Amino acid sequence: MTPTVERLLFPEGRLHQFFAVAILACAFSFALTGRQITQANWGLIDDHEVFTYLGSDLRLPFGEIWETLITKTEVGQLQGRFRPSFYLLKVAETSLLGVDVHLWYLVNTASFAIFLASIWWGLLRFTGLWLSGALTAAIALLPLWADVWSRLGPSEIFGAACLGLMLFATDAILFAKRHRVRVWGAVALTLLAIILAGLKETFLPIAAGLPAFTLGYAVVGRRLPLLFVAVLGLVLAACILAVGLVVLRELRSAGADYYGRSAGPFVTVRYAMLGLIDGVARTWWVWVLPIAVLQLLKIIPARSWKERVLESAPAFAAYAFLIAMYAAQCGLYRMLFPHNNRYDFPAMLLIPLTACILVAEIASRVGPRLPKRKMDHALCAAAFFVVFFLVTSHLGQPPALASAVKRNIESTRAFYSEVQRLAQLAKTTPDRPIIIEAGGPTAYEGAHSLPQFLTALGVQNTISVRYQRDEHSRGLHLDGLEQQLMDMETARTAPFTPLAEAWEKHAGGCLSVGLYTRPDPDCVGFQISNGLDPAALRSSP
């Protein structure tokens, strides 16, 4: 191998390595999700919030962000949750990007790239450019991402980007040589943790845990002064406590969580303990088997497990942190994982990140004993085997994220095309009532969302809901949605008109919108769907 090829394959300068990671992470993110930037459109679920913020003129001036945040989001109208930074970012994004859906999906792709680059960058100093990239690719192909990056609404989008930036800040605190860089890294980590805490209540453990773990380690290693860290810790603790108290107050007043499940301390602690056991059961072999094999082959020296834990204290501390975060998320969600959807984030990063910690620890132990060139080639060979495994495991079936992206493109284009067709006809016949035929309780979000699109697109027709019961739907949460849909039939609050009143105009014609059911054959029919199976929605938390 020529020296030029060697330098290209194994760049040594940290600046060169950073650019390589940034470019490759962007390329990988674009390969998995980039088609949506040019081909996807607005979807039925969650995307209506953007049109609500924009209003009928489809614009939101920067000066109206705060008023919109208070009057049109959950921040000013607490509904069992408290996500201030999520809605602040969402409203600000609406003001900046407007109705250009292509820019929204571009932000999604960039957010995924930030997260992937943070994992890649954190591993690179231990496992080299190519093995760290292969391990990052394995994380990028996890099934949980299919429900995150193939939509615009989930808080996990901001959550993943924020966590990625926190990992960059953590790397700066632990490894930067200049004191100023470590200080600014600590400030950035604290601010990002505050933002993460306000994105979603289930992010509270990692928002508190990662800074506590990192800053505590920095103080012990004398990389940051104790007083400075104490001040940052107090600020972070105050913000997290404020968010936590509001969430607890909402849960206590409701007697259940947002999905109607019991949220008492006993059930939360019970699931946290089950999560602790489950997390250890899922990952013990990741540590034990490789170390036992390497020790048997005399690649690493024989040690007792007590000696090995003390010798690799940082790695085992990081593993303990992952287990604690997994258990905390099980407790807050009051369930075990995986579910192969967005609720798995960040819980189901447990196994791949545990493997990453182990590989990094072994490489850091073996590396000093081998010539650098030989170690680089060994790591590159290991990367080849990881990539080979990823390719063969997906033969005949694309990654879950790629399939979800394809479905999202098809469903959003069909949905928004149908909405525009409905809006165009409604504006030419403003005297005809629009009847939303809601098929089952899972149609609630769609029945709530659709009028927001129509209003923003200039439709002034009366809108009513007719509920059609789904006998297969059961459960406290679905029962509540069913009751709300039945209430919509008689509602006289914007944007709905009572169904009986709208039906009096039926003789002049009507526009029927089938939502998880067929439209009325006596009206001009439109079929609306968000591309999701209602049965799957019934089983989701």
Protein backbone atom coordinates (compact mmCIF):
# COMPACT_ATOMS: atom_id res chain seq x y z
CA MET A 1 0.00 0.00 0.00
CA THR A 2 1.48 3.34 -1.08
CA PRO A 3 2.02 6.13 1.48
CA THR A 4 -0.59 8.31 -0.27
CA VAL A 5 -3.28 5.62 -0.05
CA GLU A 6 -2.23 4.96 3.54
CA ARG A 7 -2.75 8.61 4.47
CA LEU A 8 -6.15 8.70 2.77
CA LEU A 9 -7.36 5.53 4.46
CA PHE A 10 -5.95 6.35 7.88
CA PRO A 11 -5.92 10.16 8.34
CA GLU A 12 -3.95 11.14 11.42
CA GLY A 13 -4.75 14.81 12.13
CA ARG A 14 -7.84 15.35 14.28
CA LEU A 15 -9.06 18.06 11.90
CA HIS A 16 -8.75 15.70 8.93
CA GLN A 17 -10.49 12.96 10.90
CA PHE A 18 -13.32 15.31 11.87
CA PHE A 19 -13.98 16.31 8.26
CA ALA A 20 -13.91 12.66 7.21
CA VAL A 21 -16.43 11.74 9.91
CA ALA A 22 -18.68 14.71 9.10
CA ILE A 23 -18.73 13.96 5.37
CA LEU A 24 -19.27 10.22 5.79
CA ALA A 25 -21.98 10.66 8.45
CA CYS A 26 -23.86 13.11 6.21
CA ALA A 27 -23.53 10.71 3.28
CA PHE A 28 -24.84 7.80 5.33
CA SER A 29 -27.75 9.81 6.73
CA PHE A 30 -28.62 11.05 3.25
CA ALA A 31 -28.46 7.51 1.84
CA LEU A 32 -31.01 6.31 4.40
CA THR A 33 -33.37 9.31 4.62
CA GLY A 34 -32.40 11.76 1.87
CA ARG A 35 -35.12 10.75 -0.61
CA GLN A 36 -37.68 12.43 1.62
CA ILE A 37 -36.09 15.84 1.08
CA THR A 38 -37.30 15.97 -2.52
CA GLN A 39 -40.11 13.40 -2.61
CA ALA A 40 -42.05 13.43 0.69
CA ASN A 41 -44.82 15.85 1.63
CA TRP A 42 -46.84 16.87 4.67
CA GLY A 43 -48.49 14.02 6.59
CA LEU A 44 -51.73 13.71 8.51
CA ILE A 45 -50.34 13.04 11.99
CA ASP A 46 -48.43 15.78 13.87
CA ASP A 47 -47.71 17.90 10.77
CA HIS A 48 -50.96 19.80 11.29
CA GLU A 49 -49.27 21.65 14.16
CA VAL A 50 -47.12 23.52 11.63
CA PHE A 51 -50.22 24.74 9.78
CA THR A 52 -51.84 25.72 13.09
CA TYR A 53 -48.84 27.88 13.96
CA LEU A 54 -48.67 29.42 10.48
CA GLY A 55 -52.34 30.38 10.25
CA SER A 56 -54.33 31.16 7.10
CA ASP A 57 -51.58 33.34 5.59
CA LEU A 58 -49.08 30.46 5.94
CA ARG A 59 -46.44 32.55 7.68
CA LEU A 60 -45.27 33.10 11.26
CA PRO A 61 -43.27 36.29 11.92
CA PHE A 62 -40.35 35.90 14.29
CA GLY A 63 -41.90 38.38 16.73
CA GLU A 64 -44.97 36.13 17.21
CA ILE A 65 -43.04 33.03 18.30
CA TRP A 66 -43.60 33.57 22.04
CA GLU A 67 -47.31 34.32 21.68
CA THR A 68 -47.75 31.24 19.50
CA LEU A 69 -45.86 29.11 22.03
CA ILE A 70 -48.18 30.18 24.86
CA THR A 71 -51.51 30.20 23.02
CA LYS A 72 -51.22 27.35 20.52
CA THR A 73 -49.08 24.67 22.19
CA GLU A 74 -49.18 22.45 25.27
CA VAL A 75 -46.77 24.80 27.04
CA GLY A 76 -49.56 27.27 27.76
CA GLN A 77 -52.31 24.64 27.89
CA LEU A 78 -50.88 21.82 29.99
CA GLN A 79 -52.44 18.54 28.88
CA GLY A 80 -50.69 15.93 31.00
CA ARG A 81 -47.26 16.73 29.56
CA PHE A 82 -44.72 19.54 29.73
CA ARG A 83 -42.28 19.88 26.82
CA PRO A 84 -41.27 23.56 26.68
CA SER A 85 -38.07 23.28 24.65
CA PHE A 86 -39.67 20.91 22.13
CA TYR A 87 -42.45 23.34 21.31
CA LEU A 88 -40.13 26.35 21.39
CA LEU A 89 -37.88 24.67 18.83
CA LYS A 90 -40.90 23.55 16.80
CA VAL A 91 -42.42 27.03 16.66
CA ALA A 92 -39.05 28.62 15.88
CA GLU A 93 -38.52 26.07 13.11
CA THR A 94 -41.98 26.91 11.75
CA SER A 95 -41.12 30.62 11.69
CA LEU A 96 -37.82 29.92 9.92
CA LEU A 97 -38.85 27.21 7.42
CA GLY A 98 -42.52 28.00 6.89
CA VAL A 99 -44.50 25.67 4.66
CA ASP A 100 -41.48 24.42 2.67
CA VAL A 101 -41.65 20.73 3.55
CA HIS A 102 -38.37 20.01 1.75
CA LEU A 103 -36.44 22.13 4.25
CA TRP A 104 -38.15 20.31 7.14
CA TYR A 105 -36.94 16.95 5.86
CA LEU A 106 -33.49 18.42 5.24
CA VAL A 107 -33.33 19.32 8.95
CA ASN A 108 -34.31 15.72 9.75
CA THR A 109 -31.47 14.34 7.67
CA ALA A 110 -29.01 16.80 9.21
CA SER A 111 -30.17 15.85 12.73
CA PHE A 112 -29.59 12.16 12.01
CA ALA A 113 -26.14 13.00 10.63
CA ILE A 114 -25.26 14.89 13.83
CA PHE A 115 -26.19 11.91 15.96
CA LEU A 116 -24.28 9.43 13.79
CA ALA A 117 -21.23 11.71 13.66
CA SER A 118 -21.18 12.00 17.47
CA ILE A 119 -21.04 8.21 17.89
CA TRP A 120 -18.44 7.92 15.14
CA TRP A 121 -16.29 10.72 16.59
CA GLY A 122 -16.44 9.35 20.12
CA LEU A 123 -15.27 5.89 19.02
CA LEU A 124 -12.67 7.04 16.49
CA ARG A 125 -9.87 7.74 18.94
CA PHE A 126 -10.13 4.15 20.22
CA THR A 127 -11.10 2.04 17.19
CA GLY A 128 -9.95 4.01 14.16
CA LEU A 129 -11.96 5.63 11.37
CA TRP A 130 -13.29 2.50 9.70
CA LEU A 131 -14.21 0.26 12.62
CA SER A 132 -15.90 3.18 14.39
CA GLY A 133 -17.77 3.85 11.14
CA ALA A 134 -18.86 0.22 10.87
CA LEU A 135 -20.11 0.24 14.47
CA THR A 136 -21.94 3.51 13.80
CA ALA A 137 -23.54 1.94 10.73
CA ALA A 138 -24.82 -0.90 12.89
CA ILE A 139 -26.46 1.67 15.19
CA ALA A 140 -27.92 3.55 12.22
CA LEU A 141 -29.66 0.39 11.01
CA LEU A 142 -31.51 -0.31 14.28
CA PRO A 143 -35.28 -0.83 13.76
CA LEU A 144 -36.19 1.97 16.20
CA TRP A 145 -35.10 4.67 13.71
CA ALA A 146 -37.86 3.71 11.27
CA ASP A 147 -40.41 5.47 13.46
CA VAL A 148 -38.21 8.52 14.06
CA TRP A 149 -36.69 9.69 10.78
CA SER A 150 -39.60 8.81 8.49
CA ARG A 151 -41.81 11.51 10.06
CA LEU A 152 -41.62 15.17 11.00
CA GLY A 153 -43.43 15.18 14.33
CA PRO A 154 -41.55 13.02 16.90
CA SER A 155 -39.68 14.74 19.71
CA GLU A 156 -37.02 12.05 19.26
CA ILE A 157 -35.77 13.98 16.20
CA PHE A 158 -34.65 16.91 18.35
CA GLY A 159 -33.73 14.44 21.10
CA ALA A 160 -31.27 12.51 18.93
CA ALA A 161 -29.66 15.69 17.59
CA CYS A 162 -29.42 17.14 21.09
CA LEU A 163 -27.92 13.94 22.49
CA GLY A 164 -25.43 13.92 19.63
CA LEU A 165 -24.28 17.44 20.45
CA MET A 166 -24.04 16.45 24.11
CA LEU A 167 -21.73 13.58 23.14
CA PHE A 168 -19.52 16.02 21.20
CA ALA A 169 -19.40 18.25 24.31
CA THR A 170 -18.59 15.22 26.48
CA ASP A 171 -15.71 14.31 24.19
CA ALA A 172 -14.34 17.84 24.48
CA ILE A 173 -14.56 17.78 28.29
CA LEU A 174 -12.84 14.43 28.66
CA PHE A 175 -10.16 14.65 25.98
CA ALA A 176 -9.50 18.26 24.93
CA LYS A 177 -6.01 19.46 25.86
CA ARG A 178 -6.89 23.14 26.22
CA HIS A 179 -8.64 24.22 29.40
CA ARG A 180 -10.79 26.77 27.57
CA VAL A 181 -12.21 24.08 25.29
CA ARG A 182 -13.11 21.91 28.30
CA VAL A 183 -14.84 24.86 30.00
CA TRP A 184 -16.92 25.73 26.95
CA GLY A 185 -17.68 22.05 26.49
CA ALA A 186 -19.06 21.91 30.05
CA VAL A 187 -21.22 25.01 29.44
CA ALA A 188 -22.51 23.55 26.17
CA LEU A 189 -23.23 20.19 27.82
CA THR A 190 -25.27 21.90 30.56
CA LEU A 191 -27.31 24.02 28.13
CA LEU A 192 -27.97 21.06 25.85
CA ALA A 193 -29.04 18.94 28.84
CA ILE A 194 -31.55 21.65 29.82
CA ILE A 195 -32.94 21.62 26.27
CA LEU A 196 -33.11 17.81 26.29
CA ALA A 197 -35.00 17.81 29.59
CA GLY A 198 -37.68 20.00 28.02
CA LEU A 199 -38.04 17.90 24.89
CA LYS A 200 -39.76 14.93 26.52
CA GLU A 201 -40.28 13.81 30.10
CA THR A 202 -38.70 10.40 29.40
CA PHE A 203 -35.45 12.18 28.49
CA LEU A 204 -35.07 13.51 32.04
CA PRO A 205 -32.81 10.66 33.28
CA ILE A 206 -30.26 11.04 30.49
CA ALA A 207 -30.48 14.84 30.66
CA ALA A 208 -29.45 14.60 34.31
CA GLY A 209 -27.29 11.47 34.15
CA LEU A 210 -24.92 12.24 31.27
CA PRO A 211 -23.79 15.64 32.63
CA ALA A 212 -23.50 14.24 36.17
CA PHE A 213 -21.39 11.31 34.93
CA THR A 214 -19.20 13.46 32.65
CA LEU A 215 -18.70 16.47 34.90
CA GLY A 216 -18.13 14.26 37.94
CA TYR A 217 -15.47 12.32 36.07
CA ALA A 218 -13.90 15.61 34.91
CA VAL A 219 -13.66 16.85 38.51
CA VAL A 220 -12.11 13.58 39.70
CA GLY A 221 -9.61 13.75 36.85
CA ARG A 222 -8.90 17.43 37.63
CA ARG A 223 -9.95 18.53 34.17
CA LEU A 224 -12.48 21.03 35.52
CA PRO A 225 -12.58 22.98 38.82
CA LEU A 226 -15.08 21.77 41.42
CA LEU A 227 -16.68 25.20 42.03
CA PHE A 228 -17.35 25.73 38.32
CA VAL A 229 -18.92 22.30 37.98
CA ALA A 230 -20.99 22.87 41.14
CA VAL A 231 -22.49 26.06 39.67
CA LEU A 232 -23.37 24.30 36.42
CA GLY A 233 -24.81 21.41 38.40
CA LEU A 234 -27.08 23.69 40.43
CA VAL A 235 -28.39 25.42 37.29
CA LEU A 236 -29.07 22.09 35.59
CA ALA A 237 -30.66 20.57 38.70
CA ALA A 238 -32.99 23.57 39.09
CA CYS A 239 -34.18 23.34 35.47
CA ILE A 240 -34.68 19.58 35.55
CA LEU A 241 -36.46 19.79 38.90
CA ALA A 242 -38.80 22.47 37.52
CA VAL A 243 -39.74 20.31 34.54
CA GLY A 244 -40.09 17.23 36.71
CA LEU A 245 -42.37 18.97 39.24
CA VAL A 246 -44.71 20.22 36.51
CA VAL A 247 -44.93 16.73 35.01
CA LEU A 248 -45.57 15.17 38.44
CA ARG A 249 -48.29 17.72 39.16
CA GLU A 250 -49.99 16.91 35.85
CA LEU A 251 -49.76 13.16 36.46
CA ARG A 252 -51.10 13.51 39.98
CA SER A 253 -54.07 15.60 38.87
CA ALA A 254 -54.88 13.23 35.99
CA GLY A 255 -54.25 10.03 37.96
CA ALA A 256 -52.68 8.47 34.86
CA ASP A 257 -50.17 9.29 32.13
CA TYR A 258 -50.94 10.75 28.69
CA TYR A 259 -51.90 7.29 27.42
CA GLY A 260 -54.20 6.45 30.30
CA ARG A 261 -51.82 4.06 32.10
CA SER A 262 -51.27 4.10 35.85
CA ALA A 263 -48.40 6.44 36.75
CA GLY A 264 -48.03 5.84 40.48
CA PRO A 265 -44.63 5.48 42.17
CA PHE A 266 -45.06 1.75 42.83
CA VAL A 267 -45.56 0.77 39.19
CA THR A 268 -42.76 3.12 38.10
CA VAL A 269 -40.25 1.63 40.55
CA ARG A 270 -41.40 -1.90 39.70
CA TYR A 271 -40.71 -1.39 35.99
CA ALA A 272 -37.41 0.32 36.75
CA MET A 273 -36.29 -2.73 38.74
CA LEU A 274 -37.48 -5.06 36.00
CA GLY A 275 -35.58 -2.90 33.52
CA LEU A 276 -32.43 -3.20 35.60
CA ILE A 277 -32.65 -7.00 35.55
CA ASP A 278 -33.60 -7.03 31.87
CA GLY A 279 -30.74 -4.72 30.92
CA VAL A 280 -28.13 -6.88 32.64
CA ALA A 281 -29.66 -10.05 31.18
CA ARG A 282 -29.46 -8.59 27.68
CA THR A 283 -25.83 -7.48 27.90
CA TRP A 284 -23.82 -9.69 30.27
CA TRP A 285 -22.67 -11.91 27.39
CA VAL A 286 -21.35 -8.89 25.46
CA TRP A 287 -18.73 -8.51 28.19
CA VAL A 288 -18.16 -12.03 29.45
CA LEU A 289 -17.82 -14.05 26.25
CA PRO A 290 -15.30 -11.85 24.35
CA ILE A 291 -13.12 -11.31 27.43
CA ALA A 292 -13.21 -15.02 28.27
CA VAL A 293 -12.24 -15.98 24.69
CA LEU A 294 -9.45 -13.37 24.47
CA GLN A 295 -8.12 -14.47 27.83
CA LEU A 296 -8.29 -18.14 26.78
CA LEU A 297 -6.31 -17.33 23.61
CA LYS A 298 -3.83 -15.36 25.74
CA ILE A 299 -4.39 -12.23 23.66
CA ILE A 300 -5.05 -10.40 26.92
CA PRO A 301 -3.47 -11.40 30.24
CA ALA A 302 -5.38 -13.46 32.77
CA ARG A 303 -7.06 -11.41 35.49
CA SER A 304 -9.73 -11.99 38.10
CA TRP A 305 -12.99 -10.18 37.36
CA LYS A 306 -12.38 -7.88 40.32
CA GLU A 307 -8.97 -6.91 38.93
CA ARG A 308 -10.39 -6.46 35.46
CA VAL A 309 -13.18 -4.19 36.69
CA LEU A 310 -10.68 -2.05 38.60
CA GLU A 311 -8.31 -1.99 35.65
CA SER A 312 -11.07 -0.91 33.23
CA ALA A 313 -13.02 1.27 35.67
CA PRO A 314 -14.04 3.96 33.11
CA ALA A 315 -15.44 1.35 30.70
CA PHE A 316 -17.40 -0.45 33.40
CA ALA A 317 -18.65 2.89 34.75
CA ALA A 318 -19.91 3.78 31.27
CA TYR A 319 -21.62 0.37 31.07
CA ALA A 320 -23.25 0.90 34.48
CA PHE A 321 -24.47 4.28 33.24
CA LEU A 322 -26.12 2.66 30.19
CA ILE A 323 -27.84 0.08 32.41
CA ALA A 324 -29.11 2.81 34.73
CA MET A 325 -30.49 4.83 31.79
CA TYR A 326 -32.21 1.75 30.39
CA ALA A 327 -33.81 0.96 33.74
CA ALA A 328 -34.91 4.59 34.19
CA GLN A 329 -36.60 4.63 30.79
CA CYS A 330 -38.39 1.36 31.55
CA GLY A 331 -39.67 2.97 34.75
CA LEU A 332 -40.83 6.21 33.12
CA TYR A 333 -42.55 4.40 30.25
CA ARG A 334 -43.76 1.66 32.61
CA MET A 335 -42.92 -1.08 30.12
CA LEU A 336 -40.00 -3.15 28.85
CA PHE A 337 -38.34 -2.90 25.45
CA PRO A 338 -38.03 -3.30 22.49
CA HIS A 339 -41.14 -2.15 20.62
CA ASN A 340 -39.26 -1.34 17.39
CA ASN A 341 -40.57 2.21 17.31
CA ARG A 342 -39.54 5.66 18.51
CA TYR A 343 -40.25 4.83 22.16
CA ASP A 344 -37.16 2.59 22.06
CA PHE A 345 -34.92 5.67 21.92
CA PRO A 346 -32.55 5.80 23.69
CA ALA A 347 -33.25 2.57 25.61
CA MET A 348 -32.45 0.16 22.77
CA LEU A 349 -29.05 1.74 22.22
CA LEU A 350 -28.04 -0.32 25.27
CA ILE A 351 -26.72 -3.42 23.47
CA PRO A 352 -24.90 -1.71 20.55
CA LEU A 353 -23.34 0.93 22.82
CA THR A 354 -22.26 -1.79 25.27
CA ALA A 355 -20.56 -3.56 22.37
CA CYS A 356 -18.94 -0.26 21.34
CA ILE A 357 -17.58 0.28 24.86
CA LEU A 358 -16.15 -3.25 24.90
CA VAL A 359 -14.52 -2.90 21.47
CA ALA A 360 -13.05 0.49 22.44
CA GLU A 361 -11.69 -0.93 25.70
CA ILE A 362 -10.09 -3.94 24.02
CA ALA A 363 -8.58 -1.77 21.29
CA SER A 364 -7.15 0.66 23.84
CA ARG A 365 -5.54 -2.27 25.70
CA VAL A 366 -4.19 -4.11 22.67
CA GLY A 367 -3.19 -1.03 20.66
CA PRO A 368 -0.06 -0.01 22.63
CA ARG A 369 1.36 -3.52 22.19
CA LEU A 370 1.27 -3.45 18.38
CA PRO A 371 2.89 -1.18 15.79
CA LYS A 372 0.49 1.57 14.72
CA ARG A 373 0.39 0.44 11.09
CA LYS A 374 -0.43 -3.14 12.08
CA MET A 375 -3.13 -1.92 14.50
CA ASP A 376 -4.72 0.27 11.82
CA HIS A 377 -4.88 -2.67 9.44
CA ALA A 378 -6.32 -4.94 12.14
CA LEU A 379 -9.07 -2.44 12.95
CA CYS A 380 -9.80 -2.00 9.26
CA ALA A 381 -10.10 -5.79 8.88
CA ALA A 382 -12.49 -5.89 11.84
CA ALA A 383 -14.54 -3.16 10.16
CA PHE A 384 -14.77 -5.32 7.04
CA PHE A 385 -16.27 -8.21 9.03
CA VAL A 386 -18.80 -5.88 10.73
CA VAL A 387 -19.86 -4.48 7.36
CA PHE A 388 -20.03 -7.99 5.90
CA PHE A 389 -22.35 -9.02 8.74
CA LEU A 390 -24.57 -5.95 8.21
CA VAL A 391 -24.82 -6.59 4.48
CA THR A 392 -25.59 -10.30 4.78
CA SER A 393 -28.15 -9.72 7.55
CA HIS A 394 -30.12 -7.41 5.22
CA LEU A 395 -29.92 -9.50 2.05
CA GLY A 396 -33.35 -9.71 0.43
CA GLN A 397 -34.83 -7.10 2.73
CA PRO A 398 -33.95 -3.40 2.98
CA PRO A 399 -33.25 -1.83 6.38
CA ALA A 400 -36.36 -0.95 8.39
CA LEU A 401 -35.59 2.77 8.05
CA ALA A 402 -35.32 2.59 4.26
CA SER A 403 -38.66 0.77 4.05
CA ALA A 404 -40.28 3.31 6.38
CA VAL A 405 -38.93 6.19 4.28
CA LYS A 406 -40.44 4.65 1.15
CA ARG A 407 -43.83 4.21 2.88
CA ASN A 408 -43.71 7.75 4.22
CA ILE A 409 -43.05 9.20 0.77
CA GLU A 410 -45.98 7.27 -0.70
CA SER A 411 -48.43 8.02 2.13
CA THR A 412 -47.61 11.73 2.53
CA ARG A 413 -47.80 12.41 -1.19
CA ALA A 414 -51.15 10.61 -1.40
CA PHE A 415 -52.46 12.39 1.71
CA TYR A 416 -51.47 15.92 0.77
CA SER A 417 -52.65 15.48 -2.81
CA GLU A 418 -56.05 14.38 -1.51
CA VAL A 419 -56.20 17.27 0.98
CA GLN A 420 -55.42 19.77 -1.77
CA ARG A 421 -58.10 18.20 -3.99
CA LEU A 422 -60.60 18.43 -1.14
CA ALA A 423 -59.63 22.03 -0.37
CA GLN A 424 -59.95 23.06 -4.03
CA LEU A 425 -63.45 21.59 -4.38
CA ALA A 426 -64.54 22.92 -0.97
CA LYS A 427 -63.53 26.47 -1.88
CA THR A 428 -65.59 26.30 -5.08
CA THR A 429 -68.63 24.95 -3.15
CA PRO A 430 -68.47 26.72 0.25
CA ASP A 431 -72.11 25.87 1.04
CA ARG A 432 -71.42 22.10 1.15
CA PRO A 433 -70.61 20.72 4.61
CA ILE A 434 -67.50 18.58 5.08
CA ILE A 435 -68.25 15.38 7.01
CA ILE A 436 -65.27 13.51 8.50
CA GLU A 437 -66.15 9.83 8.75
CA ALA A 438 -64.01 8.70 11.71
CA GLY A 439 -63.50 4.94 11.75
CA GLY A 440 -62.64 3.90 15.30
CA PRO A 441 -60.82 5.73 18.10
CA THR A 442 -57.47 5.68 16.28
CA ALA A 443 -59.01 8.23 13.89
CA TYR A 444 -58.98 10.84 16.67
CA GLU A 445 -55.67 12.45 15.73
CA GLY A 446 -56.67 12.58 12.08
CA ALA A 447 -60.08 14.08 12.88
CA HIS A 448 -58.33 16.70 14.99
CA SER A 449 -55.58 17.35 12.42
CA LEU A 450 -57.49 17.52 9.14
CA PRO A 451 -59.44 20.72 9.91
CA GLN A 452 -56.16 22.51 10.66
CA PHE A 453 -54.90 21.75 7.15
CA LEU A 454 -58.19 22.78 5.55
CA THR A 455 -58.42 26.03 7.49
CA ALA A 456 -54.85 26.99 6.61
CA LEU A 457 -55.57 26.21 2.93
CA GLY A 458 -58.47 28.69 2.93
CA VAL A 459 -61.46 26.35 3.35
CA GLN A 460 -64.47 28.01 5.02
CA ASN A 461 -67.01 25.19 4.78
CA THR A 462 -68.55 23.84 7.97
CA ILE A 463 -66.76 20.72 9.25
CA SER A 464 -68.42 17.94 11.25
CA VAL A 465 -67.44 14.52 12.55
CA ARG A 466 -69.44 11.30 12.32
CA TYR A 467 -68.01 8.54 14.48
CA GLN A 468 -68.17 4.88 13.48
CA ARG A 469 -67.39 2.54 16.35
CA ASP A 470 -64.56 0.00 16.11
CA GLU A 471 -65.52 -3.02 18.18
CA HIS A 472 -61.91 -4.24 18.34
CA SER A 473 -60.70 -1.17 20.21
CA ARG A 474 -60.42 -1.56 23.96
CA GLY A 475 -58.46 0.08 26.74
CA LEU A 476 -58.64 3.21 28.86
CA HIS A 477 -56.71 5.35 26.37
CA LEU A 478 -58.77 4.24 23.34
CA ASP A 479 -62.00 4.56 25.31
CA GLY A 480 -61.08 8.16 26.04
CA LEU A 481 -60.39 8.87 22.36
CA GLU A 482 -63.69 7.24 21.43
CA GLN A 483 -65.57 9.49 23.85
CA GLN A 484 -63.86 12.58 22.46
CA LEU A 485 -64.81 11.60 18.92
CA MET A 486 -68.43 11.12 19.95
CA ASP A 487 -68.31 14.52 21.64
CA MET A 488 -67.08 16.02 18.37
CA GLU A 489 -70.35 14.98 16.72
CA THR A 490 -72.24 17.46 18.87
CA ALA A 491 -69.46 20.01 19.35
CA ARG A 492 -70.06 23.65 18.53
CA THR A 493 -66.50 24.80 19.12
CA ALA A 494 -64.14 25.80 16.33
CA PRO A 495 -63.54 24.24 13.92
CA PHE A 496 -66.48 21.83 14.32
CA THR A 497 -70.20 22.22 13.67
CA PRO A 498 -72.71 19.72 15.21
CA LEU A 499 -73.32 16.84 12.83
CA ALA A 500 -77.13 17.18 13.04
CA GLU A 501 -76.91 20.82 12.01
CA ALA A 502 -74.56 20.08 9.12
CA TRP A 503 -76.73 17.18 7.96
CA GLU A 504 -79.62 19.57 7.40
CA LYS A 505 -77.61 20.93 4.44
CA HIS A 506 -77.11 17.43 3.04
CA ALA A 507 -79.73 17.91 0.36
CA GLY A 508 -77.51 20.50 -1.32
CA GLY A 509 -74.64 18.02 -1.47
CA CYS A 510 -71.79 17.27 0.92
CA LEU A 511 -68.13 16.34 0.98
CA SER A 512 -67.42 13.10 2.85
CA VAL A 513 -63.92 12.27 4.05
CA GLY A 514 -63.27 8.62 4.92
CA LEU A 515 -60.75 8.42 7.75
CA TYR A 516 -59.88 4.72 8.35
CA THR A 517 -63.27 3.94 6.84
CA ARG A 518 -65.20 4.50 3.61
CA PRO A 519 -66.70 7.90 2.73
CA ASP A 520 -70.47 8.30 2.50
CA PRO A 521 -71.57 7.11 -0.98
CA ASP A 522 -74.27 9.84 -1.07
CA CYS A 523 -71.59 12.57 -0.93
CA VAL A 524 -68.55 13.46 -2.98
CA GLY A 525 -66.02 11.09 -1.44
CA PHE A 526 -62.42 11.53 -0.38
CA GLN A 527 -60.19 8.90 1.23
CA ILE A 528 -57.66 10.05 3.83
CA SER A 529 -55.05 7.91 5.57
CA ASN A 530 -51.71 8.47 7.24
CA GLY A 531 -50.33 5.19 5.92
CA LEU A 532 -50.38 3.45 9.32
CA ASP A 533 -52.33 0.35 10.22
CA PRO A 534 -54.97 1.22 12.87
CA ALA A 535 -54.32 -2.15 14.52
CA ALA A 536 -50.70 -1.16 14.99
CA LEU A 537 -51.76 2.17 16.42
CA ARG A 538 -54.00 0.44 18.94
CA SER A 539 -51.05 -1.54 20.28
CA SER A 540 -48.58 1.38 20.48
CA PRO A 541 -47.93 3.09 23.85
